[in-house]
Amino acid sequence: MLGLAGILVMCGAPAAPQLLPLEPGILAPRVAPPQAAIPEYAAHMTRVQESLKQEVPIVMLNEGLDGAQRTAQDLALHDPRVRAKLRATSGEPLRNEVFDVRPARQSDITDETAACRSGRCLRVEIYHYADNSATVAMVDVDTRTVVAVADLPQMQPDIPKNLEQAAIEIAISAPEVEQALGRKPSAEQATMAEMKTSLNNTRCERSQHLCVAPTFLVGEKALWAIVDLTDGVLVGVQWTNLGASQTPKITEKTIQDSAIMAQLCDQVPSIDRDGWKLSYMLTSSDGLRVADVRFRDQLVLHSAKLVDWHVSYSGKQAFGYSDAVGCPLFSTAAVPAYQPPSISDLRDGKGVIGFAIDQEFRHPGWPQPCSYNYHSRYEFYQDGRFRVVAASWGRGCGNDGTYRPVMRIDLAGDQNHAAAWDDASWKPWSTEQWALQTDTTAYNADGYLFRILDGAGRGYFVAPGHGQYTPPPKNDHAYIYVTRHHPEEGDADMITIGPCCNTNEQQGPEKFIGASPEAIDGAHLVLWYTPQLKNSDTPGQEACWADSRVTASGVYTPKVWACEAGPMFVPVGSGQ
């Protein structure tokens, strides 16, 4: 999910009657196009074949690198921890590729990479096609040291520009795309080509290939061309309805917001009010992160952040996007920030009861179809409560979408005890596990579902959304995971943690539970929260939706029907 330079919308001219009879979910025969039609991909595969003959079998990133980036890449590829991933255990070379080399941000630095606070570190991201995994190396180019190497199974870094162009070539050369559109499209008419995707019951889903989705907008419809970059073929095409829109079309806009970079991506502001002290910053791809959160000088959270947005469409033939949110430049955020977060009072009928930090992330064309607007909000109350919230303001690439934001909440304390309400009492969780909140979930008398205490009996009740808030939905329908803390499982910025379109618990955090869950009683715990938000453009029932309206001044202004979800944490008194 590369930072978008903008969204180019080129709406074609096929009449609606040509589009309506088309059935969704047309799978292609997976035949490779002629090489003459896909020169970028053909050249890329030549480089892949050449790399497999080398001592270090990997396609290096060459274009656009400065001296420091080249040094970092070279040092990373000579590190034995990285080299161990480049060949099979039997010695055969595997297909590997460097996808990105970029300066490390403050949000990338953990205790393990503390040396980077005083050094000049770069982050080298490598994708391993053979097992669909990634390696991230943090390299100090001044000391010529590889500070840390992290192996990330079943994760995909964001693709470089040449692969984005290759995906577009494959899409526009496919007869299925031409047939669906009624004409052969040009490369300029493709948007969203850098966003990774999957299509259920295809190799993208079963074999975990690297797939992306160039998208073509035609009137009130969008044609998705799902491209498998592992095999170099079109997987299939699918139409979605965008819903009627009054939004005027725009041209490409470049995101160049240096103020955001200077104020929030390269610095760590702090807040001290209403009994709370905390720091916050924009990360490269994990949204607005709050850290070192204290209430009345008692540490409450090590950090909290919004790791991913998973957006799926079309029910059983689920397909969609995995979106990252974050800094506008030198990041992997597909949906970037445009301005600093707003800090506002929380009020009830009697006055101020706390404050909220709200950060907006949006595509430059929003609320145009196939543009997204997300919010990350943290609410802090004078009585010690706090809430972590993810909100969608639409509009998206269809009117049948489900949004699943993945929130990571790193709880303070290394002697914590978790328990879930089982309709009669608090049942301790002794090992890592997950639960699904449903319409029939039972809560205690105060509406709480979980309780997390330290050894002294202090801690928090956890109340998922189940009708106590005004914006939809009435129920978060959240997947809630509790895992034992490990620094490599999210202390630094995370790449895409899970596929876009799973409708079960496989949203990403389950990877950190695995087949052998660890003991968590009396441990440092992380709570992952993934609600499910359904969009709608039905008049009177709009949710997670946006459109444009003409003002009295004769200009367009967005009309928003937001949806939001997130747990409230309520303090437990000592001994309760």
Protein backbone atom coordinates (compact mmCIF):
# COMPACT_ATOMS: atom_id res chain seq x y z
CA MET A 1 0.00 0.00 0.00
CA LEU A 2 2.33 2.69 -1.25
CA GLY A 3 1.69 6.32 -0.48
CA LEU A 4 -0.54 7.47 -3.33
CA ALA A 5 0.58 10.35 -5.45
CA GLY A 6 -3.10 10.90 -6.01
CA ILE A 7 -6.04 9.26 -7.69
CA LEU A 8 -6.44 9.60 -11.41
CA VAL A 9 -9.99 9.12 -12.55
CA MET A 10 -10.58 8.51 -16.24
CA CYS A 11 -14.18 7.56 -16.77
CA GLY A 12 -14.85 5.86 -20.08
CA ALA A 13 -17.84 6.11 -22.34
CA PRO A 14 -19.46 2.65 -22.49
CA ALA A 15 -23.20 3.00 -21.98
CA ALA A 16 -24.83 1.49 -18.92
CA PRO A 17 -26.73 -1.21 -20.89
CA GLN A 18 -23.39 -2.71 -21.94
CA LEU A 19 -22.37 -3.06 -18.29
CA LEU A 20 -25.48 -4.25 -16.51
CA PRO A 21 -25.66 -7.80 -17.99
CA LEU A 22 -22.11 -8.61 -16.94
CA GLU A 23 -21.90 -11.15 -14.13
CA PRO A 24 -19.50 -10.42 -11.27
CA GLY A 25 -16.53 -12.58 -10.51
CA ILE A 26 -15.34 -13.57 -14.01
CA LEU A 27 -12.20 -15.68 -13.62
CA ALA A 28 -9.52 -15.52 -16.30
CA PRO A 29 -7.86 -18.69 -17.68
CA ARG A 30 -4.49 -17.64 -16.16
CA VAL A 31 -2.72 -17.45 -19.53
CA ALA A 32 0.36 -15.23 -19.58
CA PRO A 33 0.08 -12.33 -22.05
CA PRO A 34 2.58 -12.04 -24.91
CA GLN A 35 5.82 -10.50 -23.66
CA ALA A 36 5.52 -7.69 -26.19
CA ALA A 37 2.34 -6.56 -24.42
CA ILE A 38 3.95 -6.50 -20.96
CA PRO A 39 7.50 -5.15 -21.39
CA GLU A 40 7.84 -4.03 -17.76
CA TYR A 41 6.90 -7.44 -16.38
CA ALA A 42 9.02 -9.24 -19.01
CA ALA A 43 12.05 -7.15 -18.08
CA HIS A 44 11.35 -7.77 -14.43
CA MET A 45 11.21 -11.55 -14.91
CA THR A 46 14.51 -11.39 -16.81
CA ARG A 47 16.00 -9.80 -13.71
CA VAL A 48 14.41 -12.53 -11.58
CA GLN A 49 15.99 -15.26 -13.70
CA GLU A 50 19.37 -13.53 -13.54
CA SER A 51 19.10 -13.22 -9.76
CA LEU A 52 18.55 -16.95 -9.37
CA LYS A 53 22.02 -17.55 -10.86
CA GLN A 54 23.77 -15.27 -8.39
CA GLU A 55 25.43 -16.10 -5.10
CA VAL A 56 22.89 -13.85 -3.41
CA PRO A 57 19.62 -14.74 -5.19
CA ILE A 58 17.61 -11.56 -4.97
CA VAL A 59 16.31 -8.80 -7.24
CA MET A 60 17.83 -5.65 -5.85
CA LEU A 61 16.19 -2.24 -5.86
CA ASN A 62 18.27 0.00 -8.13
CA GLU A 63 16.30 2.92 -9.51
CA GLY A 64 16.06 6.10 -7.48
CA LEU A 65 18.38 5.05 -4.65
CA ASP A 66 20.94 7.42 -3.19
CA GLY A 67 24.28 6.36 -1.76
CA ALA A 68 22.97 5.71 1.75
CA GLN A 69 20.12 3.57 0.44
CA ARG A 70 22.50 1.50 -1.70
CA THR A 71 24.79 1.01 1.29
CA ALA A 72 21.90 -0.09 3.48
CA GLN A 73 20.67 -2.56 0.86
CA ASP A 74 24.17 -4.01 0.39
CA LEU A 75 24.74 -4.40 4.13
CA ALA A 76 21.35 -6.05 4.62
CA LEU A 77 21.94 -8.56 1.82
CA HIS A 78 25.28 -9.57 3.31
CA ASP A 79 23.79 -10.23 6.75
CA PRO A 80 23.62 -14.00 7.46
CA ARG A 81 20.15 -13.63 9.01
CA VAL A 82 18.85 -12.22 5.73
CA ARG A 83 20.76 -14.68 3.56
CA ALA A 84 19.25 -17.60 5.46
CA LYS A 85 15.89 -16.69 3.93
CA LEU A 86 17.10 -16.50 0.33
CA ARG A 87 17.60 -20.21 -0.31
CA ALA A 88 15.70 -23.38 0.48
CA THR A 89 17.12 -25.64 3.19
CA SER A 90 18.42 -27.87 0.38
CA GLY A 91 20.35 -24.95 -1.08
CA GLU A 92 18.25 -24.07 -4.14
CA PRO A 93 17.84 -20.35 -4.78
CA LEU A 94 14.42 -18.86 -4.10
CA ARG A 95 12.70 -15.86 -5.67
CA ASN A 96 13.33 -12.83 -3.50
CA GLU A 97 13.10 -9.10 -4.08
CA VAL A 98 13.92 -5.87 -2.29
CA PHE A 99 10.74 -3.80 -2.34
CA ASP A 100 11.78 -0.69 -0.41
CA VAL A 101 14.74 1.05 1.22
CA ARG A 102 13.73 4.11 3.18
CA PRO A 103 14.84 6.19 6.16
CA ALA A 104 13.71 4.75 9.49
CA ARG A 105 11.09 6.84 11.23
CA GLN A 106 10.72 7.33 14.96
CA SER A 107 7.83 4.88 14.86
CA ASP A 108 10.18 2.19 13.50
CA ILE A 109 12.50 2.40 16.50
CA THR A 110 12.03 -0.02 19.40
CA ASP A 111 14.20 -1.06 22.33
CA GLU A 112 15.82 -3.61 20.02
CA THR A 113 16.80 -0.86 17.57
CA ALA A 114 17.57 1.84 20.15
CA ALA A 115 20.94 2.44 18.46
CA CYS A 116 18.99 4.07 15.61
CA ARG A 117 17.98 6.96 17.85
CA SER A 118 21.50 8.36 17.61
CA GLY A 119 22.50 6.83 14.27
CA ARG A 120 21.33 7.13 10.67
CA CYS A 121 19.22 4.04 10.11
CA LEU A 122 17.43 2.86 7.01
CA ARG A 123 14.72 0.22 6.76
CA VAL A 124 15.18 -2.45 4.07
CA GLU A 125 12.02 -4.40 3.19
CA ILE A 126 12.37 -7.72 1.34
CA TYR A 127 9.63 -9.97 -0.04
CA HIS A 128 10.04 -13.74 -0.36
CA TYR A 129 7.72 -15.06 -3.07
CA ALA A 130 8.26 -18.72 -2.23
CA ASP A 131 6.64 -18.64 1.19
CA ASN A 132 4.79 -15.30 1.05
CA SER A 133 6.83 -13.74 3.83
CA ALA A 134 8.81 -10.58 4.42
CA THR A 135 12.08 -9.65 6.06
CA VAL A 136 12.72 -6.19 7.46
CA ALA A 137 16.31 -5.18 8.23
CA MET A 138 17.20 -2.02 10.15
CA VAL A 139 20.61 -0.78 9.02
CA ASP A 140 22.81 1.94 10.56
CA VAL A 141 24.70 3.25 7.54
CA ASP A 142 27.08 5.39 9.62
CA THR A 143 28.43 2.41 11.57
CA ARG A 144 27.74 0.00 8.68
CA THR A 145 25.83 -2.24 11.08
CA VAL A 146 22.67 -4.29 10.61
CA VAL A 147 20.99 -3.41 13.89
CA ALA A 148 18.06 -5.85 13.68
CA VAL A 149 16.40 -8.32 11.32
CA ALA A 150 12.74 -9.31 11.64
CA ASP A 151 11.13 -12.24 9.81
CA LEU A 152 7.43 -11.65 9.14
CA PRO A 153 5.56 -14.76 7.91
CA GLN A 154 2.54 -14.34 5.64
CA MET A 155 3.12 -10.62 5.24
CA GLN A 156 3.77 -8.54 2.13
CA PRO A 157 5.64 -5.24 1.89
CA ASP A 158 4.28 -2.60 -0.41
CA ILE A 159 5.25 -3.03 -4.04
CA PRO A 160 7.75 -0.80 -5.87
CA LYS A 161 6.71 1.40 -8.80
CA ASN A 162 7.98 -0.98 -11.49
CA LEU A 163 5.70 -3.74 -10.22
CA GLU A 164 2.80 -1.30 -10.09
CA GLN A 165 3.43 -0.52 -13.76
CA ALA A 166 3.77 -4.25 -14.54
CA ALA A 167 0.38 -4.92 -12.94
CA ILE A 168 -1.22 -2.22 -15.07
CA GLU A 169 0.35 -3.70 -18.23
CA ILE A 170 -1.04 -7.15 -17.42
CA ALA A 171 -4.49 -5.70 -16.71
CA ILE A 172 -4.83 -3.55 -19.84
CA SER A 173 -3.53 -6.35 -22.09
CA ALA A 174 -6.08 -8.88 -20.81
CA PRO A 175 -9.00 -9.64 -23.17
CA GLU A 176 -11.30 -10.07 -20.16
CA VAL A 177 -10.70 -6.43 -19.17
CA GLU A 178 -11.24 -5.21 -22.72
CA GLN A 179 -14.41 -7.28 -23.05
CA ALA A 180 -15.82 -6.01 -19.77
CA LEU A 181 -15.10 -2.37 -20.56
CA GLY A 182 -16.16 -2.61 -24.19
CA ARG A 183 -12.83 -1.16 -25.31
CA LYS A 184 -9.12 -1.51 -24.63
CA PRO A 185 -8.18 0.75 -21.71
CA SER A 186 -5.04 2.85 -21.45
CA ALA A 187 -2.57 2.70 -18.57
CA GLU A 188 -3.68 6.17 -17.45
CA GLN A 189 -7.19 4.89 -16.78
CA ALA A 190 -6.05 2.47 -14.06
CA THR A 191 -6.13 3.53 -10.42
CA MET A 192 -5.38 1.74 -7.13
CA ALA A 193 -2.82 -0.49 -8.90
CA GLU A 194 -0.48 -0.51 -5.91
CA MET A 195 -3.03 -1.85 -3.42
CA LYS A 196 -2.65 -5.49 -2.51
CA THR A 197 -5.77 -7.62 -2.79
CA SER A 198 -7.06 -11.16 -2.80
CA LEU A 199 -9.95 -13.02 -4.39
CA ASN A 200 -11.45 -15.97 -2.54
CA ASN A 201 -11.03 -19.37 -4.21
CA THR A 202 -8.09 -18.18 -6.31
CA ARG A 203 -4.36 -18.60 -5.89
CA CYS A 204 -4.18 -15.18 -4.26
CA GLU A 205 -6.09 -16.70 -1.36
CA ARG A 206 -5.05 -20.37 -1.32
CA SER A 207 -1.37 -20.09 -2.23
CA GLN A 208 -0.87 -16.57 -0.89
CA HIS A 209 0.50 -15.10 -4.09
CA LEU A 210 1.27 -11.41 -4.42
CA CYS A 211 -1.84 -9.88 -5.99
CA VAL A 212 -2.85 -6.29 -6.67
CA ALA A 213 -5.96 -4.70 -8.14
CA PRO A 214 -5.81 -2.07 -10.88
CA THR A 215 -9.29 -0.55 -10.95
CA PHE A 216 -11.17 1.19 -13.77
CA LEU A 217 -14.01 3.60 -13.02
CA VAL A 218 -16.90 3.81 -15.47
CA GLY A 219 -19.82 6.01 -14.46
CA GLU A 220 -21.33 4.49 -11.34
CA LYS A 221 -19.41 1.24 -11.63
CA ALA A 222 -15.85 0.11 -10.99
CA LEU A 223 -14.13 -2.78 -12.75
CA TRP A 224 -11.52 -4.53 -10.63
CA ALA A 225 -8.77 -6.35 -12.52
CA ILE A 226 -7.07 -8.66 -10.06
CA VAL A 227 -3.49 -9.35 -11.13
CA ASP A 228 -1.25 -12.12 -9.76
CA LEU A 229 2.27 -10.68 -9.78
CA THR A 230 3.76 -14.00 -8.68
CA ASP A 231 2.64 -15.71 -11.89
CA GLY A 232 2.26 -12.62 -14.07
CA VAL A 233 -1.35 -13.27 -15.06
CA LEU A 234 -4.82 -11.82 -14.67
CA VAL A 235 -6.80 -13.70 -12.02
CA GLY A 236 -10.19 -12.27 -12.90
CA VAL A 237 -12.36 -9.19 -13.20
CA GLN A 238 -15.29 -8.03 -11.12
CA TRP A 239 -17.71 -5.12 -11.21
CA THR A 240 -18.90 -3.21 -8.16
CA ASN A 241 -21.59 -0.57 -7.92
CA LEU A 242 -20.27 2.75 -6.70
CA GLY A 243 -23.69 4.21 -6.01
CA ALA A 244 -25.00 7.41 -7.51
CA SER A 245 -22.65 10.36 -7.01
CA GLN A 246 -22.85 14.10 -7.51
CA THR A 247 -19.13 14.49 -6.89
CA PRO A 248 -17.32 16.17 -9.80
CA LYS A 249 -14.37 14.24 -11.24
CA ILE A 250 -10.90 15.52 -10.48
CA THR A 251 -7.45 15.12 -11.96
CA GLU A 252 -4.36 13.71 -10.30
CA LYS A 253 -3.13 15.52 -7.20
CA THR A 254 0.28 15.12 -5.61
CA ILE A 255 0.51 14.76 -1.88
CA GLN A 256 3.32 17.04 -0.76
CA ASP A 257 2.47 17.96 2.80
CA SER A 258 5.85 18.77 4.30
CA ALA A 259 4.25 20.39 7.34
CA ILE A 260 2.76 17.06 8.45
CA MET A 261 6.14 15.40 8.03
CA ALA A 262 7.90 18.02 10.11
CA GLN A 263 5.29 18.33 12.87
CA LEU A 264 4.16 14.76 13.39
CA CYS A 265 6.22 12.22 11.43
CA ASP A 266 9.65 13.42 12.55
CA GLN A 267 8.70 14.70 16.00
CA VAL A 268 6.81 13.36 19.00
CA PRO A 269 4.45 15.98 20.52
CA SER A 270 3.02 15.46 24.00
CA ILE A 271 -0.16 16.32 25.89
CA ASP A 272 -0.63 17.01 29.61
CA ARG A 273 -4.24 17.74 30.58
CA ASP A 274 -7.21 16.38 32.56
CA GLY A 275 -4.91 14.11 34.56
CA TRP A 276 -3.48 12.48 31.43
CA LYS A 277 0.06 12.60 30.04
CA LEU A 278 0.94 11.02 26.70
CA SER A 279 2.92 11.43 23.50
CA TYR A 280 1.65 10.95 19.96
CA MET A 281 3.00 10.78 16.43
CA LEU A 282 2.11 9.83 12.89
CA THR A 283 3.67 6.53 11.87
CA SER A 284 4.67 5.39 8.40
CA SER A 285 1.80 2.91 8.10
CA ASP A 286 0.15 2.36 11.51
CA GLY A 287 -1.83 5.58 11.73
CA LEU A 288 -1.70 7.91 14.72
CA ARG A 289 0.07 6.18 17.61
CA VAL A 290 -0.24 7.27 21.22
CA ALA A 291 2.50 6.11 23.57
CA ASP A 292 3.62 6.25 27.21
CA VAL A 293 0.03 7.00 28.24
CA ARG A 294 -0.29 7.83 31.95
CA PHE A 295 -3.24 8.75 34.13
CA ARG A 296 -2.35 10.54 37.37
CA ASP A 297 1.27 9.44 36.75
CA GLN A 298 0.29 5.75 36.55
CA LEU A 299 1.32 4.07 33.27
CA VAL A 300 -1.81 2.84 31.46
CA LEU A 301 -0.65 2.03 27.91
CA HIS A 302 2.72 1.44 26.35
CA SER A 303 1.09 2.33 23.04
CA ALA A 304 -2.03 2.05 20.89
CA LYS A 305 -2.32 2.29 17.11
CA LEU A 306 -4.38 1.36 14.06
CA VAL A 307 -2.36 -1.23 12.13
CA ASP A 308 -4.53 -1.87 9.04
CA TRP A 309 -7.88 -1.34 7.40
CA HIS A 310 -9.21 -4.49 5.69
CA VAL A 311 -11.95 -3.63 3.18
CA SER A 312 -13.86 -6.43 1.46
CA TYR A 313 -16.70 -6.36 -1.06
CA SER A 314 -19.23 -8.68 -2.67
CA GLY A 315 -20.02 -11.27 0.00
CA LYS A 316 -19.00 -14.83 -0.91
CA GLN A 317 -16.76 -13.69 -3.76
CA ALA A 318 -14.98 -11.46 -1.29
CA PHE A 319 -12.28 -9.24 -2.67
CA GLY A 320 -11.01 -5.85 -1.68
CA TYR A 321 -8.10 -3.85 -0.33
CA SER A 322 -5.78 -3.80 2.66
CA ASP A 323 -5.19 -0.12 3.44
CA ALA A 324 -2.50 1.44 5.59
CA VAL A 325 -2.82 4.95 7.03
CA GLY A 326 0.04 7.21 8.03
CA CYS A 327 2.53 9.88 6.97
CA PRO A 328 2.05 11.47 3.54
CA LEU A 329 5.67 11.10 2.35
CA PHE A 330 8.38 8.45 2.68
CA SER A 331 5.85 5.96 4.01
CA THR A 332 3.79 2.97 2.96
CA ALA A 333 0.44 4.60 3.70
CA ALA A 334 -2.14 4.27 0.93
CA VAL A 335 -4.43 6.74 2.72
CA PRO A 336 -2.32 9.58 4.15
CA ALA A 337 -2.85 12.40 6.60
CA TYR A 338 -3.36 15.94 5.28
CA GLN A 339 -3.29 17.98 8.47
CA PRO A 340 -2.39 17.57 12.15
CA PRO A 341 -4.87 15.87 14.46
CA SER A 342 -7.56 17.90 16.12
CA ILE A 343 -7.61 17.99 19.92
CA SER A 344 -11.05 18.81 21.25
CA ASP A 345 -13.02 18.81 24.50
CA LEU A 346 -15.29 15.94 25.42
CA ARG A 347 -18.46 17.29 27.01
CA ASP A 348 -21.63 16.15 28.67
CA GLY A 349 -24.56 18.29 29.76
CA LYS A 350 -22.57 19.74 32.66
CA GLY A 351 -19.29 20.69 30.99
CA VAL A 352 -15.93 19.33 29.92
CA ILE A 353 -15.30 15.71 30.94
CA GLY A 354 -12.11 15.01 28.99
CA PHE A 355 -10.55 15.40 25.57
CA ALA A 356 -10.17 13.57 22.26
CA ILE A 357 -7.39 13.34 19.66
CA ASP A 358 -8.75 12.76 16.16
CA GLN A 359 -6.61 12.19 13.06
CA GLU A 360 -8.11 12.15 9.58
CA PHE A 361 -6.60 10.12 6.72
CA ARG A 362 -8.07 10.52 3.25
CA HIS A 363 -7.53 10.08 -0.43
CA PRO A 364 -7.16 13.35 -2.36
CA GLY A 365 -10.33 12.69 -4.38
CA TRP A 366 -12.63 11.90 -1.44
CA PRO A 367 -15.70 11.71 -1.43
CA GLN A 368 -15.39 10.60 -5.02
CA PRO A 369 -16.00 6.86 -5.67
CA CYS A 370 -13.00 4.64 -4.95
CA SER A 371 -11.66 7.16 -2.44
CA TYR A 372 -11.42 6.49 1.27
CA ASN A 373 -11.53 8.58 4.43
CA TYR A 374 -10.56 7.04 7.77
CA HIS A 375 -10.31 8.48 11.27
CA SER A 376 -8.28 7.31 14.23
CA ARG A 377 -9.52 8.76 17.52
CA TYR A 378 -8.49 8.41 21.14
CA GLU A 379 -10.79 9.62 23.91
CA PHE A 380 -9.46 10.33 27.43
CA TYR A 381 -11.84 11.11 30.30
CA GLN A 382 -11.24 12.90 33.59
CA ASP A 383 -12.46 9.84 35.54
CA GLY A 384 -9.74 7.60 34.04
CA ARG A 385 -11.74 6.00 31.22
CA PHE A 386 -10.33 5.92 27.71
CA ARG A 387 -11.56 4.67 24.34
CA VAL A 388 -9.70 3.66 21.17
CA VAL A 389 -11.82 4.34 18.07
CA ALA A 390 -11.59 3.64 14.33
CA ALA A 391 -14.06 5.38 12.01
CA SER A 392 -14.87 5.18 8.31
CA TRP A 393 -16.30 8.16 6.48
CA GLY A 394 -16.72 6.24 3.20
CA ARG A 395 -16.93 6.25 0.35
CA GLY A 396 -15.00 3.31 -0.95
CA CYS A 397 -15.23 1.23 -4.11
CA GLY A 398 -18.69 -0.25 -3.65
CA ASN A 399 -21.94 -0.05 -1.73
CA ASP A 400 -21.63 -3.61 -0.35
CA GLY A 401 -18.41 -3.24 1.63
CA THR A 402 -17.30 -4.35 5.08
CA TYR A 403 -14.52 -2.47 6.89
CA ARG A 404 -12.37 -4.33 9.43
CA PRO A 405 -9.84 -2.04 11.13
CA VAL A 406 -7.11 -3.82 13.12
CA MET A 407 -6.27 -1.99 16.35
CA ARG A 408 -3.29 -2.92 18.55
CA ILE A 409 -3.47 -1.90 22.22
CA ASP A 410 -0.29 -2.57 24.21
CA LEU A 411 -1.33 -2.64 27.86
CA ALA A 412 0.91 -1.47 30.70
CA GLY A 413 2.22 -3.92 33.26
CA ASP A 414 4.06 -7.23 33.01
CA GLN A 415 1.95 -9.13 35.57
CA ASN A 416 -1.50 -8.85 34.01
CA HIS A 417 -4.43 -11.25 34.27
CA ALA A 418 -7.17 -11.35 31.62
CA ALA A 419 -10.71 -12.65 32.12
CA ALA A 420 -13.87 -12.76 29.99
CA TRP A 421 -17.47 -12.60 31.17
CA ASP A 422 -19.21 -15.96 30.62
CA ASP A 423 -22.80 -14.90 31.48
CA ALA A 424 -22.35 -15.56 35.20
CA SER A 425 -18.80 -14.74 36.29
CA TRP A 426 -15.35 -13.71 35.14
CA LYS A 427 -13.58 -16.64 33.47
CA PRO A 428 -9.76 -16.30 33.46
CA TRP A 429 -7.89 -16.68 30.17
CA SER A 430 -4.73 -18.61 30.88
CA THR A 431 -3.44 -18.81 27.29
CA GLU A 432 -3.55 -16.64 24.18
CA GLN A 433 -6.92 -16.79 22.44
CA TRP A 434 -9.60 -14.84 20.62
CA ALA A 435 -13.34 -14.28 20.89
CA LEU A 436 -16.03 -12.97 18.53
CA GLN A 437 -18.57 -10.46 19.79
CA THR A 438 -22.02 -11.30 18.39
CA ASP A 439 -25.59 -10.05 18.75
CA THR A 440 -26.13 -12.64 21.51
CA THR A 441 -22.94 -11.96 23.49
CA ALA A 442 -23.59 -11.67 27.21
CA TYR A 443 -22.10 -8.75 29.18
CA ASN A 444 -21.96 -8.18 32.89
CA ALA A 445 -24.45 -5.82 34.52
CA ASP A 446 -22.36 -2.79 33.55
CA GLY A 447 -21.92 -3.82 29.92
CA TYR A 448 -18.35 -5.12 30.20
CA LEU A 449 -17.00 -8.16 28.35
CA PHE A 450 -13.39 -8.33 29.53
CA ARG A 451 -11.40 -7.48 32.64
CA ILE A 452 -7.64 -7.00 32.79
CA LEU A 453 -6.02 -6.63 36.23
CA ASP A 454 -2.50 -6.36 37.57
CA GLY A 455 -1.22 -8.20 40.63
CA ALA A 456 -2.61 -5.52 42.95
CA GLY A 457 -6.11 -5.76 41.50
CA ARG A 458 -5.85 -2.54 39.54
CA GLY A 459 -6.74 -2.45 35.87
CA TYR A 460 -9.58 -1.97 33.43
CA PHE A 461 -12.88 -3.39 32.33
CA VAL A 462 -13.28 -3.53 28.55
CA ALA A 463 -16.62 -2.62 26.97
CA PRO A 464 -16.98 -3.28 23.22
CA GLY A 465 -19.48 -1.21 21.30
CA HIS A 466 -22.96 -2.77 21.64
CA GLY A 467 -25.44 0.05 21.25
CA GLN A 468 -24.14 2.59 23.76
CA TYR A 469 -22.88 5.03 21.10
CA THR A 470 -24.80 7.18 18.59
CA PRO A 471 -23.01 6.46 15.27
CA PRO A 472 -23.61 3.06 13.66
CA PRO A 473 -23.16 0.17 14.02
CA LYS A 474 -25.27 -0.95 16.96
CA ASN A 475 -22.80 -3.77 17.57
CA ASP A 476 -19.07 -3.78 16.76
CA HIS A 477 -19.14 -7.53 15.94
CA ALA A 478 -15.47 -7.41 16.91
CA TYR A 479 -12.84 -10.11 16.82
CA ILE A 480 -10.92 -9.62 20.07
CA TYR A 481 -7.51 -11.23 20.58
CA VAL A 482 -5.30 -11.30 23.68
CA THR A 483 -1.65 -12.17 23.06
CA ARG A 484 1.55 -12.22 25.04
CA HIS A 485 3.71 -9.23 24.19
CA HIS A 486 6.72 -9.72 21.95
CA PRO A 487 8.53 -6.64 20.56
CA GLU A 488 8.71 -8.06 17.04
CA GLU A 489 4.92 -8.44 16.97
CA GLY A 490 4.12 -4.79 16.46
CA ASP A 491 6.23 -2.48 18.60
CA ALA A 492 7.62 -1.00 15.36
CA ASP A 493 5.58 -0.09 12.30
CA MET A 494 3.93 -3.15 10.79
CA ILE A 495 3.55 -4.04 7.14
CA THR A 496 0.24 -5.50 5.96
CA ILE A 497 -0.74 -7.86 8.77
CA GLY A 498 -3.46 -9.87 7.06
CA PRO A 499 -5.51 -10.34 3.88
CA CYS A 500 -8.25 -7.89 3.03
CA CYS A 501 -11.13 -10.24 2.65
CA ASN A 502 -11.32 -12.97 5.27
CA THR A 503 -14.67 -13.01 7.03
CA ASN A 504 -13.48 -15.14 9.95
CA GLU A 505 -10.95 -14.62 12.75
CA GLN A 506 -8.03 -14.67 10.29
CA GLN A 507 -7.55 -10.91 10.29
CA GLY A 508 -3.83 -10.97 11.13
CA PRO A 509 -3.48 -11.05 14.94
CA GLU A 510 -4.23 -14.79 14.99
CA LYS A 511 -0.74 -15.29 13.53
CA PHE A 512 0.64 -14.27 16.92
CA ILE A 513 -1.40 -17.00 18.62
CA GLY A 514 -0.60 -19.81 16.21
CA ALA A 515 -0.99 -23.52 16.80
CA SER A 516 0.61 -23.41 20.25
CA PRO A 517 -0.83 -20.48 22.24
CA GLU A 518 1.46 -19.11 24.93
CA ALA A 519 0.57 -18.73 28.59
CA ILE A 520 -0.59 -15.19 29.36
CA ASP A 521 -1.53 -15.25 33.05
CA GLY A 522 0.76 -12.84 34.85
CA ALA A 523 2.30 -11.50 31.62
CA HIS A 524 2.69 -8.36 29.54
CA LEU A 525 -0.41 -8.42 27.31
CA VAL A 526 -1.51 -6.95 23.99
CA LEU A 527 -5.20 -6.63 23.11
CA TRP A 528 -6.08 -6.63 19.39
CA TYR A 529 -9.52 -5.34 18.40
CA THR A 530 -10.98 -5.83 14.89
CA PRO A 531 -14.60 -4.67 14.54
CA GLN A 532 -16.71 -5.21 11.41
CA LEU A 533 -18.42 -2.15 9.90
CA LYS A 534 -20.92 -2.62 7.06
CA ASN A 535 -21.43 0.25 4.64
CA SER A 536 -24.75 1.25 3.08
CA ASP A 537 -26.02 3.88 0.65
CA THR A 538 -29.70 3.02 1.23
CA PRO A 539 -31.58 6.30 1.80
CA GLY A 540 -32.29 6.74 5.49
CA GLN A 541 -29.89 3.92 6.43
CA GLU A 542 -26.58 5.30 5.17
CA ALA A 543 -23.47 4.19 7.04
CA CYS A 544 -19.75 4.33 6.27
CA TRP A 545 -20.77 6.45 3.31
CA ALA A 546 -20.17 9.86 1.75
CA ASP A 547 -21.38 11.90 -1.19
CA SER A 548 -21.29 15.52 -2.32
CA ARG A 549 -23.93 18.20 -1.96
CA VAL A 550 -24.13 21.64 -3.54
CA THR A 551 -24.06 24.46 -1.00
CA ALA A 552 -25.88 27.75 -1.24
CA SER A 553 -22.64 29.23 -2.52
CA GLY A 554 -22.76 26.92 -5.52
CA VAL A 555 -19.82 24.71 -4.51
CA TYR A 556 -19.62 21.06 -3.58
CA THR A 557 -19.24 19.98 0.02
CA PRO A 558 -19.03 16.43 1.41
CA LYS A 559 -22.04 14.85 3.07
CA VAL A 560 -20.89 12.14 5.50
CA TRP A 561 -22.65 9.24 7.19
CA ALA A 562 -19.85 8.00 9.45
CA CYS A 563 -19.58 4.69 11.21
CA GLU A 564 -17.20 3.96 14.06
CA ALA A 565 -16.20 1.24 16.49
CA GLY A 566 -13.85 0.70 19.39
CA PRO A 567 -13.66 -0.49 22.99
CA MET A 568 -14.05 1.66 26.10
CA PHE A 569 -11.65 0.95 28.98
CA VAL A 570 -13.12 1.65 32.41
CA PRO A 571 -10.88 1.69 35.53
CA VAL A 572 -11.30 -1.04 38.13
CA GLY A 573 -10.79 0.06 41.73
CA SER A 574 -8.04 -1.64 43.75
CA GLY A 575 -9.23 -4.99 45.00
CA GLN A 576 -12.32 -5.16 42.76
